[in-house]
Amino acid sequence: MTKTIETEHVVIRSIAVSEMANNVYLITAKESGSQVLIDAADDAEAIKDLIASGAEDTSADPELQAIITTHQHWDHIRALPATSAAFPDAMTIAGSDDAEAITAAEGVEITRTVDHLDVGDFGGFVLQAIVLRGHTPGSIALLLRDGGETILFSGDSLFPGGPGKTWSTEGFTSLLDDLEERVFDQLPDETKVLPGHGDSTTLGEERPKLAEWRERGW
């Protein structure tokens, strides 16, 4: 099932793939037809169909500008080789501290690495990288502001009910510190959070739980 969110200038389509129910997101600019795919997680054929469906959202000729990977974990990159091969003109983008691991795992060269607050203009919309260290060293969230709406593609760093999994006290503290300082302290409650698995949420829904998360340690 494809889910759709529409803002003033873009349409966001998403599907869930694999036994891990990974969310794959496609952003399509209504006027230019420019597209960005977030997390080629699995099922390359379903992803190709998702990209093709973006033609319904624009009168222009759709063009995939980039495939952005939120982090290096295997369940988020299994379809990256096939998808990048099918769309060779699309940039492959990942966080600087995860790019080498992605290439080592799947043999796909990352053509652009991003650091905290780096911005990409994709011809109809802008995405800003927010580095959230902890789930992996180079995990990134992607911030979209459009028509008064704020949307955060959070990867596996933030879900309804808590931060993403970490493997040490230091990793958990790093992730929660980054979430507080770089997300909750900077963005409004109305911000929609679109995670790497499962349902969406808002920062306003999650904000009252921050102290609870820190106390419980996960």
C-alpha atoms as a PDB file:
ATOM      1  CA  MET A   1       0.000   0.000   0.000  1.00  0.00           C
ATOM      2  CA  THR A   2       1.298   3.432  -0.956  1.00  0.00           C
ATOM      3  CA  LYS A   3       0.864   6.278   1.495  1.00  0.00           C
ATOM      4  CA  THR A   4       0.813   9.881   0.293  1.00  0.00           C
ATOM      5  CA  ILE A   5       1.487  13.244   1.920  1.00  0.00           C
ATOM      6  CA  GLU A   6       1.047  16.428  -0.105  1.00  0.00           C
ATOM      7  CA  THR A   7       2.478  19.853   0.697  1.00  0.00           C
ATOM      8  CA  GLU A   8       2.443  23.062  -1.333  1.00  0.00           C
ATOM      9  CA  HIS A   9       5.244  22.125  -3.705  1.00  0.00           C
ATOM     10  CA  VAL A  10       5.884  18.388  -3.295  1.00  0.00           C
ATOM     11  CA  VAL A  11       4.197  15.027  -2.965  1.00  0.00           C
ATOM     12  CA  ILE A  12       5.699  12.386  -0.665  1.00  0.00           C
ATOM     13  CA  ARG A  13       4.865   8.783  -1.479  1.00  0.00           C
ATOM     14  CA  SER A  14       5.970   5.865   0.683  1.00  0.00           C
ATOM     15  CA  ILE A  15       5.857   2.085   0.718  1.00  0.00           C
ATOM     16  CA  ALA A  16       6.940  -0.506   3.276  1.00  0.00           C
ATOM     17  CA  VAL A  17       9.215  -3.281   1.999  1.00  0.00           C
ATOM     18  CA  SER A  18      10.832  -6.475   3.308  1.00  0.00           C
ATOM     19  CA  GLU A  19      10.215  -8.559   6.388  1.00  0.00           C
ATOM     20  CA  MET A  20      11.513  -5.565   8.387  1.00  0.00           C
ATOM     21  CA  ALA A  21       8.749  -3.293   7.040  1.00  0.00           C
ATOM     22  CA  ASN A  22      11.242  -0.636   5.980  1.00  0.00           C
ATOM     23  CA  ASN A  23       9.730   2.622   4.833  1.00  0.00           C
ATOM     24  CA  VAL A  24      10.930   3.856   1.439  1.00  0.00           C
ATOM     25  CA  TYR A  25      10.083   7.485   0.661  1.00  0.00           C
ATOM     26  CA  LEU A  26       9.868   9.274  -2.687  1.00  0.00           C
ATOM     27  CA  ILE A  27       9.665  13.070  -2.840  1.00  0.00           C
ATOM     28  CA  THR A  28       8.415  14.541  -6.134  1.00  0.00           C
ATOM     29  CA  ALA A  29       8.370  18.259  -6.939  1.00  0.00           C
ATOM     30  CA  LYS A  30       5.031  19.172  -8.482  1.00  0.00           C
ATOM     31  CA  GLU A  31       6.345  21.744 -10.965  1.00  0.00           C
ATOM     32  CA  SER A  32       9.785  20.471 -11.963  1.00  0.00           C
ATOM     33  CA  GLY A  33       9.274  16.716 -11.621  1.00  0.00           C
ATOM     34  CA  SER A  34      12.517  16.468  -9.640  1.00  0.00           C
ATOM     35  CA  GLN A  35      12.568  13.414  -7.370  1.00  0.00           C
ATOM     36  CA  VAL A  36      14.569  12.124  -4.415  1.00  0.00           C
ATOM     37  CA  LEU A  37      14.363   8.588  -3.027  1.00  0.00           C
ATOM     38  CA  ILE A  38      15.103   8.020   0.661  1.00  0.00           C
ATOM     39  CA  ASP A  39      16.395   4.546   1.621  1.00  0.00           C
ATOM     40  CA  ALA A  40      16.473   1.948  -1.145  1.00  0.00           C
ATOM     41  CA  ALA A  41      15.885  -0.665   1.504  1.00  0.00           C
ATOM     42  CA  ASP A  42      14.696  -3.752  -0.373  1.00  0.00           C
ATOM     43  CA  ASP A  43      12.537  -4.957  -3.294  1.00  0.00           C
ATOM     44  CA  ALA A  44      14.054  -3.023  -6.184  1.00  0.00           C
ATOM     45  CA  GLU A  45      11.067  -3.705  -8.437  1.00  0.00           C
ATOM     46  CA  ALA A  46       8.640  -2.184  -5.935  1.00  0.00           C
ATOM     47  CA  ILE A  47      10.951   0.810  -5.625  1.00  0.00           C
ATOM     48  CA  LYS A  48      11.028   1.253  -9.411  1.00  0.00           C
ATOM     49  CA  ASP A  49       7.228   1.188  -9.409  1.00  0.00           C
ATOM     50  CA  LEU A  50       7.192   3.775  -6.625  1.00  0.00           C
ATOM     51  CA  ILE A  51       9.491   6.068  -8.604  1.00  0.00           C
ATOM     52  CA  ALA A  52       7.345   5.642 -11.718  1.00  0.00           C
ATOM     53  CA  SER A  53       4.210   6.478  -9.747  1.00  0.00           C
ATOM     54  CA  GLY A  54       5.639   9.921  -9.063  1.00  0.00           C
ATOM     55  CA  ALA A  55       4.679  10.822 -12.630  1.00  0.00           C
ATOM     56  CA  GLU A  56       1.126  11.147 -11.347  1.00  0.00           C
ATOM     57  CA  ASP A  57       2.197  14.071  -9.156  1.00  0.00           C
ATOM     58  CA  THR A  58       3.730  16.354 -11.773  1.00  0.00           C
ATOM     59  CA  SER A  59       3.053  17.654 -15.271  1.00  0.00           C
ATOM     60  CA  ALA A  60       6.803  17.703 -15.953  1.00  0.00           C
ATOM     61  CA  ASP A  61       8.988  14.755 -16.875  1.00  0.00           C
ATOM     62  CA  PRO A  62      10.015  13.118 -13.588  1.00  0.00           C
ATOM     63  CA  GLU A  63      13.739  12.787 -12.971  1.00  0.00           C
ATOM     64  CA  LEU A  64      15.326  10.999 -10.028  1.00  0.00           C
ATOM     65  CA  GLN A  65      17.993  13.391  -8.766  1.00  0.00           C
ATOM     66  CA  ALA A  66      19.302  11.419  -5.807  1.00  0.00           C
ATOM     67  CA  ILE A  67      19.072   8.278  -3.708  1.00  0.00           C
ATOM     68  CA  ILE A  68      19.745   9.215  -0.088  1.00  0.00           C
ATOM     69  CA  THR A  69      20.592   6.569   2.508  1.00  0.00           C
ATOM     70  CA  THR A  70      19.855   7.517   6.109  1.00  0.00           C
ATOM     71  CA  HIS A  71      22.352   5.046   7.593  1.00  0.00           C
ATOM     72  CA  GLN A  72      24.514   2.030   6.878  1.00  0.00           C
ATOM     73  CA  HIS A  73      22.452  -0.852   8.294  1.00  0.00           C
ATOM     74  CA  TRP A  74      21.889  -3.781   5.944  1.00  0.00           C
ATOM     75  CA  ASP A  75      18.106  -3.569   5.965  1.00  0.00           C
ATOM     76  CA  HIS A  76      18.219  -0.026   4.537  1.00  0.00           C
ATOM     77  CA  ILE A  77      20.592  -0.687   1.626  1.00  0.00           C
ATOM     78  CA  ARG A  78      19.721  -4.063   0.088  1.00  0.00           C
ATOM     79  CA  ALA A  79      18.122  -2.532  -3.012  1.00  0.00           C
ATOM     80  CA  LEU A  80      20.685   0.256  -3.366  1.00  0.00           C
ATOM     81  CA  PRO A  81      22.830  -1.529  -5.985  1.00  0.00           C
ATOM     82  CA  ALA A  82      19.895  -2.377  -8.254  1.00  0.00           C
ATOM     83  CA  THR A  83      18.225   1.002  -7.822  1.00  0.00           C
ATOM     84  CA  SER A  84      21.380   3.005  -8.474  1.00  0.00           C
ATOM     85  CA  ALA A  85      22.105   0.833 -11.521  1.00  0.00           C
ATOM     86  CA  ALA A  86      18.591   1.481 -12.853  1.00  0.00           C
ATOM     87  CA  PHE A  87      19.018   5.234 -12.357  1.00  0.00           C
ATOM     88  CA  PRO A  88      22.715   5.865 -13.075  1.00  0.00           C
ATOM     89  CA  ASP A  89      22.339   9.641 -13.293  1.00  0.00           C
ATOM     90  CA  ALA A  90      21.017   9.888  -9.729  1.00  0.00           C
ATOM     91  CA  MET A  91      23.485  10.913  -7.035  1.00  0.00           C
ATOM     92  CA  THR A  92      23.994   8.509  -4.170  1.00  0.00           C
ATOM     93  CA  ILE A  93      24.145  10.404  -0.882  1.00  0.00           C
ATOM     94  CA  ALA A  94      24.885   9.358   2.708  1.00  0.00           C
ATOM     95  CA  GLY A  95      26.316  10.709   5.928  1.00  0.00           C
ATOM     96  CA  SER A  96      30.090  11.129   5.879  1.00  0.00           C
ATOM     97  CA  ASP A  97      30.702   8.642   8.690  1.00  0.00           C
ATOM     98  CA  ASP A  98      28.540   5.911   7.149  1.00  0.00           C
ATOM     99  CA  ALA A  99      29.459   6.220   3.473  1.00  0.00           C
ATOM    100  CA  GLU A 100      32.504   3.936   3.541  1.00  0.00           C
ATOM    101  CA  ALA A 101      30.559   1.147   5.267  1.00  0.00           C
ATOM    102  CA  ILE A 102      27.735   1.386   2.719  1.00  0.00           C
ATOM    103  CA  THR A 103      30.197   1.092  -0.161  1.00  0.00           C
ATOM    104  CA  ALA A 104      31.965  -1.821   1.515  1.00  0.00           C
ATOM    105  CA  ALA A 105      28.686  -3.662   2.089  1.00  0.00           C
ATOM    106  CA  GLU A 106      27.016  -3.157  -1.271  1.00  0.00           C
ATOM    107  CA  GLY A 107      29.753  -1.996  -3.643  1.00  0.00           C
ATOM    108  CA  VAL A 108      27.918   1.241  -4.456  1.00  0.00           C
ATOM    109  CA  GLU A 109      30.019   4.373  -4.609  1.00  0.00           C
ATOM    110  CA  ILE A 110      28.560   7.217  -2.565  1.00  0.00           C
ATOM    111  CA  THR A 111      28.902  10.202  -4.864  1.00  0.00           C
ATOM    112  CA  ARG A 112      28.148  12.831  -2.222  1.00  0.00           C
ATOM    113  CA  THR A 113      28.683  12.708   1.521  1.00  0.00           C
ATOM    114  CA  VAL A 114      26.947  15.112   3.881  1.00  0.00           C
ATOM    115  CA  ASP A 115      27.673  16.466   7.325  1.00  0.00           C
ATOM    116  CA  HIS A 116      25.493  18.197   9.909  1.00  0.00           C
ATOM    117  CA  LEU A 117      23.350  20.997   8.426  1.00  0.00           C
ATOM    118  CA  ASP A 118      24.512  20.423   4.844  1.00  0.00           C
ATOM    119  CA  VAL A 119      21.810  21.428   2.367  1.00  0.00           C
ATOM    120  CA  GLY A 120      20.829  19.976  -0.979  1.00  0.00           C
ATOM    121  CA  ASP A 121      18.697  21.858  -3.528  1.00  0.00           C
ATOM    122  CA  PHE A 122      16.880  19.359  -5.698  1.00  0.00           C
ATOM    123  CA  GLY A 123      15.123  21.690  -8.104  1.00  0.00           C
ATOM    124  CA  GLY A 124      11.795  22.306  -6.430  1.00  0.00           C
ATOM    125  CA  PHE A 125      12.598  21.509  -2.811  1.00  0.00           C
ATOM    126  CA  VAL A 126      15.489  21.646  -0.373  1.00  0.00           C
ATOM    127  CA  LEU A 127      16.596  18.976   2.098  1.00  0.00           C
ATOM    128  CA  GLN A 128      18.864  19.621   5.063  1.00  0.00           C
ATOM    129  CA  ALA A 129      20.885  16.871   6.721  1.00  0.00           C
ATOM    130  CA  ILE A 130      20.756  16.547  10.492  1.00  0.00           C
ATOM    131  CA  VAL A 131      23.427  14.185  11.809  1.00  0.00           C
ATOM    132  CA  LEU A 132      22.186  12.075  14.733  1.00  0.00           C
ATOM    133  CA  ARG A 133      25.063  10.043  16.158  1.00  0.00           C
ATOM    134  CA  GLY A 134      24.290   6.857  18.024  1.00  0.00           C
ATOM    135  CA  HIS A 135      22.248   4.386  15.995  1.00  0.00           C
ATOM    136  CA  THR A 136      25.219   4.432  13.622  1.00  0.00           C
ATOM    137  CA  PRO A 137      28.131   6.900  13.559  1.00  0.00           C
ATOM    138  CA  GLY A 138      26.882   8.662  10.447  1.00  0.00           C
ATOM    139  CA  SER A 139      23.095   8.407  10.723  1.00  0.00           C
ATOM    140  CA  ILE A 140      21.296  11.349   9.165  1.00  0.00           C
ATOM    141  CA  ALA A 141      17.768  12.677   9.311  1.00  0.00           C
ATOM    142  CA  LEU A 142      16.486  14.834   6.466  1.00  0.00           C
ATOM    143  CA  LEU A 143      14.537  18.026   7.042  1.00  0.00           C
ATOM    144  CA  LEU A 144      12.020  19.317   4.506  1.00  0.00           C
ATOM    145  CA  ARG A 145      10.323  22.697   4.948  1.00  0.00           C
ATOM    146  CA  ASP A 146       7.601  23.473   2.449  1.00  0.00           C
ATOM    147  CA  GLY A 147       4.552  25.704   2.442  1.00  0.00           C
ATOM    148  CA  GLY A 148       4.585  26.213   6.191  1.00  0.00           C
ATOM    149  CA  GLU A 149       4.999  22.513   6.914  1.00  0.00           C
ATOM    150  CA  THR A 150       8.040  20.878   8.495  1.00  0.00           C
ATOM    151  CA  ILE A 151       8.744  17.212   7.833  1.00  0.00           C
ATOM    152  CA  LEU A 152      11.597  15.147   9.261  1.00  0.00           C
ATOM    153  CA  PHE A 153      12.647  11.854   7.671  1.00  0.00           C
ATOM    154  CA  SER A 154      14.235  10.396  10.778  1.00  0.00           C
ATOM    155  CA  GLY A 155      15.670   7.093   9.555  1.00  0.00           C
ATOM    156  CA  ASP A 156      16.116   4.774  12.528  1.00  0.00           C
ATOM    157  CA  SER A 157      17.060   7.573  14.931  1.00  0.00           C
ATOM    158  CA  LEU A 158      13.569   8.548  16.118  1.00  0.00           C
ATOM    159  CA  PHE A 159      10.327   6.576  16.290  1.00  0.00           C
ATOM    160  CA  PRO A 160       6.979   6.938  18.033  1.00  0.00           C
ATOM    161  CA  GLY A 161       7.868   6.153  21.626  1.00  0.00           C
ATOM    162  CA  GLY A 162      11.612   6.610  21.593  1.00  0.00           C
ATOM    163  CA  PRO A 163      14.978   6.892  19.890  1.00  0.00           C
ATOM    164  CA  GLY A 164      16.398   4.178  17.683  1.00  0.00           C
ATOM    165  CA  LYS A 165      18.338   1.237  19.066  1.00  0.00           C
ATOM    166  CA  THR A 166      21.827   1.809  20.408  1.00  0.00           C
ATOM    167  CA  TRP A 167      24.367  -0.691  21.681  1.00  0.00           C
ATOM    168  CA  SER A 168      25.953   1.104  24.637  1.00  0.00           C
ATOM    169  CA  THR A 169      25.209   3.720  27.264  1.00  0.00           C
ATOM    170  CA  GLU A 170      27.502   6.100  25.399  1.00  0.00           C
ATOM    171  CA  GLY A 171      25.677   5.515  22.134  1.00  0.00           C
ATOM    172  CA  PHE A 172      22.293   6.097  23.727  1.00  0.00           C
ATOM    173  CA  THR A 173      23.450   9.302  25.407  1.00  0.00           C
ATOM    174  CA  SER A 174      24.944  10.561  22.147  1.00  0.00           C
ATOM    175  CA  LEU A 175      21.749   9.891  20.219  1.00  0.00           C
ATOM    176  CA  LEU A 176      19.418  11.405  22.786  1.00  0.00           C
ATOM    177  CA  ASP A 177      21.671  14.458  23.190  1.00  0.00           C
ATOM    178  CA  ASP A 178      21.643  14.989  19.427  1.00  0.00           C
ATOM    179  CA  LEU A 179      17.888  14.497  19.254  1.00  0.00           C
ATOM    180  CA  GLU A 180      17.320  17.066  21.986  1.00  0.00           C
ATOM    181  CA  GLU A 181      19.822  19.647  20.732  1.00  0.00           C
ATOM    182  CA  ARG A 182      19.469  19.224  16.982  1.00  0.00           C
ATOM    183  CA  VAL A 183      15.813  18.254  16.615  1.00  0.00           C
ATOM    184  CA  PHE A 184      13.560  19.009  19.590  1.00  0.00           C
ATOM    185  CA  ASP A 185      15.286  22.304  20.481  1.00  0.00           C
ATOM    186  CA  GLN A 186      15.217  23.502  16.869  1.00  0.00           C
ATOM    187  CA  LEU A 187      11.918  22.379  15.355  1.00  0.00           C
ATOM    188  CA  PRO A 188       8.253  23.033  16.216  1.00  0.00           C
ATOM    189  CA  ASP A 189       5.807  20.573  17.721  1.00  0.00           C
ATOM    190  CA  GLU A 190       3.926  20.400  14.410  1.00  0.00           C
ATOM    191  CA  THR A 191       6.906  18.759  12.710  1.00  0.00           C
ATOM    192  CA  LYS A 192       5.861  15.459  11.136  1.00  0.00           C
ATOM    193  CA  VAL A 193       8.306  12.628  11.821  1.00  0.00           C
ATOM    194  CA  LEU A 194       8.509   9.966   9.113  1.00  0.00           C
ATOM    195  CA  PRO A 195      10.683   7.118  10.456  1.00  0.00           C
ATOM    196  CA  GLY A 196      12.522   4.248   8.802  1.00  0.00           C
ATOM    197  CA  HIS A 197       9.959   1.698  10.020  1.00  0.00           C
ATOM    198  CA  GLY A 198       6.380   1.872  11.179  1.00  0.00           C
ATOM    199  CA  ASP A 199       4.007   4.739  11.734  1.00  0.00           C
ATOM    200  CA  SER A 200       4.635   8.458  11.663  1.00  0.00           C
ATOM    201  CA  THR A 201       4.426  10.792  14.650  1.00  0.00           C
ATOM    202  CA  THR A 202       5.019  14.453  15.505  1.00  0.00           C
ATOM    203  CA  LEU A 203       7.597  16.150  17.677  1.00  0.00           C
ATOM    204  CA  GLY A 204       4.778  17.476  19.833  1.00  0.00           C
ATOM    205  CA  GLU A 205       3.599  13.947  20.535  1.00  0.00           C
ATOM    206  CA  GLU A 206       7.084  12.788  21.527  1.00  0.00           C
ATOM    207  CA  ARG A 207       8.452  15.863  23.320  1.00  0.00           C
ATOM    208  CA  PRO A 208       6.836  15.147  26.721  1.00  0.00           C
ATOM    209  CA  LYS A 209       8.548  11.739  26.794  1.00  0.00           C
ATOM    210  CA  LEU A 210      12.153  12.956  26.563  1.00  0.00           C
ATOM    211  CA  ALA A 211      12.825  12.808  30.308  1.00  0.00           C
ATOM    212  CA  GLU A 212      11.286   9.324  30.458  1.00  0.00           C
ATOM    213  CA  TRP A 213      13.527   8.104  27.655  1.00  0.00           C
ATOM    214  CA  ARG A 214      16.642   9.442  29.346  1.00  0.00           C
ATOM    215  CA  GLU A 215      15.683   7.869  32.666  1.00  0.00           C
ATOM    216  CA  ARG A 216      14.969   4.446  31.216  1.00  0.00           C
ATOM    217  CA  GLY A 217      18.131   4.487  29.079  1.00  0.00           C
ATOM    218  CA  TRP A 218      16.642   3.334  25.787  1.00  0.00           C
END
